[in-house]
N, C-alpha and C. Protein backbone atom coordinates (compact mmCIF):
# COMPACT_ATOMS: atom_id res chain seq x y z
N MET A 1 -37.87 -12.20 -43.07
CA MET A 1 -37.48 -11.06 -42.27
C MET A 1 -38.69 -10.42 -41.60
N LYS A 2 -39.80 -10.32 -42.35
CA LYS A 2 -41.01 -9.72 -41.79
C LYS A 2 -41.53 -10.54 -40.61
N ARG A 3 -41.43 -11.87 -40.72
CA ARG A 3 -41.89 -12.73 -39.62
C ARG A 3 -41.04 -12.52 -38.38
N MET A 4 -39.75 -12.34 -38.58
CA MET A 4 -38.85 -12.11 -37.45
C MET A 4 -39.20 -10.81 -36.74
N ILE A 5 -39.46 -9.77 -37.50
CA ILE A 5 -39.82 -8.48 -36.91
C ILE A 5 -41.16 -8.59 -36.19
N LEU A 6 -42.13 -9.25 -36.83
CA LEU A 6 -43.45 -9.42 -36.20
C LEU A 6 -43.33 -10.20 -34.90
N ALA A 7 -42.54 -11.26 -34.91
CA ALA A 7 -42.36 -12.06 -33.69
C ALA A 7 -41.71 -11.23 -32.59
N THR A 8 -40.75 -10.41 -32.94
CA THR A 8 -40.08 -9.55 -31.95
C THR A 8 -41.06 -8.54 -31.38
N VAL A 9 -41.87 -7.93 -32.23
CA VAL A 9 -42.86 -6.96 -31.77
C VAL A 9 -43.86 -7.63 -30.83
N LEU A 10 -44.31 -8.83 -31.17
CA LEU A 10 -45.27 -9.53 -30.31
C LEU A 10 -44.67 -9.87 -28.95
N VAL A 11 -43.44 -10.31 -28.93
CA VAL A 11 -42.79 -10.64 -27.66
C VAL A 11 -42.60 -9.40 -26.81
N LEU A 12 -42.12 -8.32 -27.42
CA LEU A 12 -41.91 -7.08 -26.66
C LEU A 12 -43.24 -6.48 -26.21
N GLY A 13 -44.26 -6.56 -27.04
CA GLY A 13 -45.57 -6.02 -26.69
C GLY A 13 -46.20 -6.77 -25.54
N SER A 14 -46.01 -8.08 -25.50
CA SER A 14 -46.59 -8.85 -24.40
C SER A 14 -45.90 -8.52 -23.08
N GLY A 15 -44.66 -8.08 -23.13
CA GLY A 15 -43.94 -7.70 -21.92
C GLY A 15 -44.44 -6.40 -21.33
N LEU A 16 -45.12 -5.60 -22.14
CA LEU A 16 -45.64 -4.33 -21.64
C LEU A 16 -46.89 -4.50 -20.80
N ALA A 17 -47.61 -5.60 -21.00
CA ALA A 17 -48.82 -5.83 -20.23
C ALA A 17 -48.44 -6.30 -18.83
N ALA A 18 -49.20 -5.88 -17.86
CA ALA A 18 -48.94 -6.28 -16.48
C ALA A 18 -50.26 -6.42 -15.76
N GLN A 19 -50.20 -6.96 -14.59
CA GLN A 19 -51.40 -6.99 -13.78
C GLN A 19 -51.02 -6.69 -12.34
N ALA A 20 -51.93 -6.04 -11.68
CA ALA A 20 -51.70 -5.68 -10.28
C ALA A 20 -52.79 -6.32 -9.45
N ASP A 21 -52.39 -6.98 -8.39
CA ASP A 21 -53.36 -7.57 -7.47
C ASP A 21 -53.62 -6.59 -6.34
N MET A 22 -54.87 -6.37 -6.03
CA MET A 22 -55.26 -5.49 -4.94
C MET A 22 -56.05 -6.33 -3.93
N SER A 23 -55.43 -6.65 -2.81
CA SER A 23 -56.11 -7.44 -1.77
C SER A 23 -56.92 -6.51 -0.89
N HIS A 24 -58.13 -6.93 -0.57
CA HIS A 24 -59.03 -6.13 0.25
C HIS A 24 -59.19 -6.79 1.62
N TYR A 25 -59.10 -5.97 2.66
CA TYR A 25 -59.20 -6.44 4.04
C TYR A 25 -60.26 -5.62 4.77
N THR A 26 -60.88 -6.25 5.78
CA THR A 26 -61.87 -5.59 6.63
C THR A 26 -61.30 -5.44 8.03
N ASN A 27 -61.47 -4.26 8.60
CA ASN A 27 -61.02 -3.97 9.96
C ASN A 27 -61.91 -4.73 10.95
N LEU A 28 -61.30 -5.54 11.80
CA LEU A 28 -62.05 -6.32 12.78
C LEU A 28 -62.09 -5.67 14.17
N LEU A 29 -61.31 -4.62 14.36
CA LEU A 29 -61.28 -3.97 15.67
C LEU A 29 -62.46 -3.01 15.81
N ARG A 30 -62.82 -2.72 17.03
CA ARG A 30 -63.96 -1.83 17.29
C ARG A 30 -63.63 -0.36 17.06
N GLN A 31 -62.37 -0.06 16.94
CA GLN A 31 -61.96 1.33 16.70
C GLN A 31 -61.72 1.53 15.21
N PRO A 32 -62.05 2.70 14.68
CA PRO A 32 -61.80 2.95 13.26
C PRO A 32 -60.31 3.06 12.97
N ARG A 33 -59.90 2.51 11.83
CA ARG A 33 -58.51 2.61 11.37
C ARG A 33 -58.53 2.97 9.90
N ASP A 34 -57.52 3.69 9.48
CA ASP A 34 -57.46 4.15 8.10
C ASP A 34 -56.52 3.30 7.26
N ASP A 35 -56.34 3.72 6.00
CA ASP A 35 -55.46 2.98 5.09
C ASP A 35 -54.01 2.99 5.56
N ALA A 36 -53.62 4.03 6.28
CA ALA A 36 -52.25 4.09 6.79
C ALA A 36 -52.00 2.95 7.79
N ALA A 37 -53.00 2.65 8.62
CA ALA A 37 -52.87 1.54 9.57
C ALA A 37 -52.80 0.21 8.83
N LEU A 38 -53.61 0.07 7.79
CA LEU A 38 -53.58 -1.15 6.98
C LEU A 38 -52.22 -1.30 6.31
N ALA A 39 -51.70 -0.24 5.75
CA ALA A 39 -50.39 -0.29 5.09
C ALA A 39 -49.29 -0.64 6.08
N SER A 40 -49.38 -0.09 7.27
CA SER A 40 -48.38 -0.37 8.31
C SER A 40 -48.41 -1.85 8.69
N ASP A 41 -49.61 -2.38 8.89
CA ASP A 41 -49.74 -3.80 9.24
C ASP A 41 -49.31 -4.70 8.09
N ALA A 42 -49.57 -4.28 6.86
CA ALA A 42 -49.13 -5.06 5.70
C ALA A 42 -47.60 -5.08 5.62
N ARG A 43 -46.95 -3.96 5.91
CA ARG A 43 -45.48 -3.94 5.92
C ARG A 43 -44.93 -4.87 7.00
N TYR A 44 -45.60 -4.89 8.16
CA TYR A 44 -45.18 -5.79 9.24
C TYR A 44 -45.26 -7.24 8.76
N CYS A 45 -46.38 -7.61 8.13
CA CYS A 45 -46.56 -8.98 7.67
C CYS A 45 -45.62 -9.30 6.50
N ASP A 46 -45.34 -8.31 5.65
CA ASP A 46 -44.36 -8.51 4.58
C ASP A 46 -43.01 -8.92 5.17
N ALA A 47 -42.61 -8.22 6.24
CA ALA A 47 -41.32 -8.50 6.88
C ALA A 47 -41.35 -9.83 7.62
N LYS A 48 -42.49 -10.17 8.20
CA LYS A 48 -42.58 -11.38 9.03
C LYS A 48 -42.69 -12.66 8.20
N VAL A 49 -43.58 -12.67 7.18
CA VAL A 49 -43.83 -13.91 6.43
C VAL A 49 -43.51 -13.80 4.94
N GLY A 50 -43.07 -12.64 4.50
CA GLY A 50 -42.78 -12.44 3.07
C GLY A 50 -43.91 -11.66 2.42
N PRO A 51 -43.60 -10.96 1.35
CA PRO A 51 -44.60 -10.11 0.71
C PRO A 51 -45.71 -10.89 0.02
N ASP A 52 -46.86 -10.24 -0.09
CA ASP A 52 -48.00 -10.78 -0.84
C ASP A 52 -47.76 -10.43 -2.30
N ARG A 53 -47.40 -11.40 -3.12
CA ARG A 53 -46.94 -11.15 -4.49
C ARG A 53 -48.08 -11.13 -5.51
N ASN A 54 -47.90 -10.31 -6.55
CA ASN A 54 -48.85 -10.25 -7.66
C ASN A 54 -48.86 -11.58 -8.41
N GLY A 55 -50.04 -11.98 -8.84
CA GLY A 55 -50.17 -13.19 -9.65
C GLY A 55 -50.14 -14.48 -8.86
N VAL A 56 -50.00 -14.40 -7.55
CA VAL A 56 -49.95 -15.58 -6.69
C VAL A 56 -51.03 -15.40 -5.62
N PRO A 57 -51.82 -16.44 -5.34
CA PRO A 57 -52.83 -16.29 -4.28
C PRO A 57 -52.19 -15.91 -2.94
N THR A 58 -52.91 -15.12 -2.16
CA THR A 58 -52.42 -14.70 -0.84
C THR A 58 -52.24 -15.94 0.02
N SER A 59 -51.05 -16.07 0.61
CA SER A 59 -50.74 -17.28 1.37
C SER A 59 -51.52 -17.33 2.68
N PRO A 60 -51.79 -18.55 3.17
CA PRO A 60 -52.45 -18.69 4.47
C PRO A 60 -51.65 -18.03 5.59
N ALA A 61 -50.31 -18.09 5.53
CA ALA A 61 -49.48 -17.47 6.57
C ALA A 61 -49.67 -15.95 6.57
N TYR A 62 -49.77 -15.34 5.39
CA TYR A 62 -49.97 -13.89 5.30
C TYR A 62 -51.36 -13.52 5.84
N LYS A 63 -52.36 -14.31 5.48
CA LYS A 63 -53.72 -14.06 5.98
C LYS A 63 -53.75 -14.18 7.51
N ARG A 64 -53.05 -15.19 8.06
CA ARG A 64 -53.01 -15.35 9.52
C ARG A 64 -52.33 -14.16 10.18
N CYS A 65 -51.25 -13.70 9.57
CA CYS A 65 -50.52 -12.55 10.12
C CYS A 65 -51.43 -11.32 10.14
N MET A 66 -52.11 -11.06 9.04
CA MET A 66 -53.01 -9.90 8.98
C MET A 66 -54.17 -10.06 9.95
N ARG A 67 -54.66 -11.29 10.10
CA ARG A 67 -55.75 -11.55 11.06
C ARG A 67 -55.27 -11.24 12.47
N GLY A 68 -54.04 -11.61 12.77
CA GLY A 68 -53.46 -11.32 14.08
C GLY A 68 -53.30 -9.82 14.34
N ARG A 69 -53.25 -9.03 13.28
CA ARG A 69 -53.14 -7.58 13.39
C ARG A 69 -54.51 -6.91 13.34
N GLY A 70 -55.58 -7.74 13.25
CA GLY A 70 -56.94 -7.19 13.29
C GLY A 70 -57.57 -6.93 11.94
N TRP A 71 -57.13 -7.64 10.89
CA TRP A 71 -57.68 -7.47 9.55
C TRP A 71 -58.14 -8.82 9.01
N ARG A 72 -59.32 -8.87 8.43
CA ARG A 72 -59.83 -10.09 7.80
C ARG A 72 -59.68 -9.95 6.29
N PHE A 73 -59.08 -10.97 5.65
CA PHE A 73 -58.94 -10.99 4.20
C PHE A 73 -60.32 -11.19 3.58
N ASP A 74 -60.67 -10.34 2.60
CA ASP A 74 -61.96 -10.47 1.92
C ASP A 74 -61.78 -11.08 0.53
N TYR A 75 -61.03 -10.43 -0.33
CA TYR A 75 -60.84 -10.91 -1.69
C TYR A 75 -59.67 -10.18 -2.34
N THR A 76 -59.27 -10.69 -3.50
CA THR A 76 -58.22 -10.05 -4.28
C THR A 76 -58.80 -9.66 -5.63
N LYS A 77 -58.60 -8.41 -6.01
CA LYS A 77 -59.04 -7.93 -7.32
C LYS A 77 -57.81 -7.79 -8.20
N VAL A 78 -57.85 -8.40 -9.38
CA VAL A 78 -56.75 -8.32 -10.32
C VAL A 78 -57.07 -7.23 -11.33
N GLU A 79 -56.18 -6.26 -11.46
CA GLU A 79 -56.36 -5.18 -12.42
C GLU A 79 -55.28 -5.28 -13.48
N LYS A 80 -55.71 -5.44 -14.71
CA LYS A 80 -54.76 -5.54 -15.82
C LYS A 80 -54.38 -4.13 -16.27
N THR A 81 -53.10 -3.90 -16.42
CA THR A 81 -52.61 -2.60 -16.87
C THR A 81 -51.64 -2.81 -18.02
N TRP A 82 -51.47 -1.80 -18.83
CA TRP A 82 -50.52 -1.83 -19.93
C TRP A 82 -50.10 -0.41 -20.27
N ILE A 83 -49.06 -0.28 -21.07
CA ILE A 83 -48.55 1.02 -21.50
C ILE A 83 -49.03 1.28 -22.92
N ASP A 84 -49.68 2.42 -23.14
CA ASP A 84 -50.12 2.81 -24.48
C ASP A 84 -48.88 3.16 -25.30
N PRO A 85 -48.63 2.45 -26.41
CA PRO A 85 -47.41 2.70 -27.17
C PRO A 85 -47.38 4.08 -27.83
N ASP A 86 -48.55 4.68 -28.06
CA ASP A 86 -48.59 5.99 -28.71
C ASP A 86 -48.27 7.14 -27.75
N THR A 87 -48.79 7.03 -26.51
CA THR A 87 -48.65 8.14 -25.57
C THR A 87 -47.71 7.84 -24.41
N GLY A 88 -47.47 6.56 -24.13
CA GLY A 88 -46.66 6.19 -22.98
C GLY A 88 -47.44 6.19 -21.67
N ASP A 89 -48.76 6.46 -21.74
CA ASP A 89 -49.59 6.48 -20.54
C ASP A 89 -49.89 5.06 -20.06
N THR A 90 -50.13 4.93 -18.77
CA THR A 90 -50.56 3.66 -18.20
C THR A 90 -52.07 3.54 -18.39
N CYS A 91 -52.51 2.38 -18.88
CA CYS A 91 -53.93 2.15 -19.16
C CYS A 91 -54.44 1.01 -18.28
N HIS A 92 -55.74 1.03 -18.01
CA HIS A 92 -56.38 -0.06 -17.28
C HIS A 92 -57.79 -0.25 -17.80
N GLU A 93 -58.33 -1.46 -17.57
CA GLU A 93 -59.67 -1.79 -18.03
C GLU A 93 -60.71 -1.05 -17.19
N ILE A 94 -61.81 -0.67 -17.84
CA ILE A 94 -62.99 -0.14 -17.16
C ILE A 94 -64.22 -0.82 -17.73
N LEU A 95 -65.33 -0.65 -17.09
CA LEU A 95 -66.61 -1.20 -17.55
C LEU A 95 -66.54 -2.71 -17.74
N GLY A 96 -65.88 -3.38 -16.81
CA GLY A 96 -65.78 -4.84 -16.87
C GLY A 96 -65.01 -5.35 -18.07
N GLY A 97 -64.07 -4.56 -18.56
CA GLY A 97 -63.26 -4.97 -19.69
C GLY A 97 -63.81 -4.51 -21.02
N ALA A 98 -64.97 -3.82 -21.02
CA ALA A 98 -65.55 -3.34 -22.28
C ALA A 98 -64.88 -2.07 -22.77
N GLY A 99 -64.05 -1.45 -21.95
CA GLY A 99 -63.36 -0.23 -22.35
C GLY A 99 -62.06 -0.10 -21.60
N SER A 100 -61.38 1.01 -21.85
CA SER A 100 -60.13 1.26 -21.13
C SER A 100 -59.99 2.73 -20.84
N SER A 101 -59.18 3.02 -19.84
CA SER A 101 -58.88 4.40 -19.46
C SER A 101 -57.37 4.51 -19.34
N CYS A 102 -56.83 5.57 -19.94
CA CYS A 102 -55.39 5.75 -19.93
C CYS A 102 -55.04 7.11 -19.32
N GLY A 103 -53.92 7.16 -18.67
CA GLY A 103 -53.43 8.39 -18.07
C GLY A 103 -52.50 8.05 -16.94
N ASN A 104 -51.53 8.88 -16.73
CA ASN A 104 -50.59 8.64 -15.64
C ASN A 104 -51.07 9.20 -14.32
N ILE A 105 -52.17 9.91 -14.33
CA ILE A 105 -52.77 10.41 -13.08
C ILE A 105 -54.15 9.79 -12.98
N TRP A 106 -54.34 8.89 -12.00
CA TRP A 106 -55.63 8.20 -11.86
C TRP A 106 -56.42 8.86 -10.82
């Protein structure tokens, strides 16, 4: 019985961990543009070629679409997040994984 409970806890606990991919782009136009312009162009490309999904490399079609809108793909940063079972806060790694920070307001 204890093994069954432990197995259930491990399965449920692993479901609480998640990761978020943050793709970084560089503005190629000579005029300054803000994050709102980037978000707008990303929504356009999401509708045109499909969304850029977490855990999957950014597709060449998505990169081409963003390039056509004046953005160059630089890299993707994966941020691991999880829910603290004691507080319910969202946590993420800091200091290159040597520590963590928790809180629902980042």
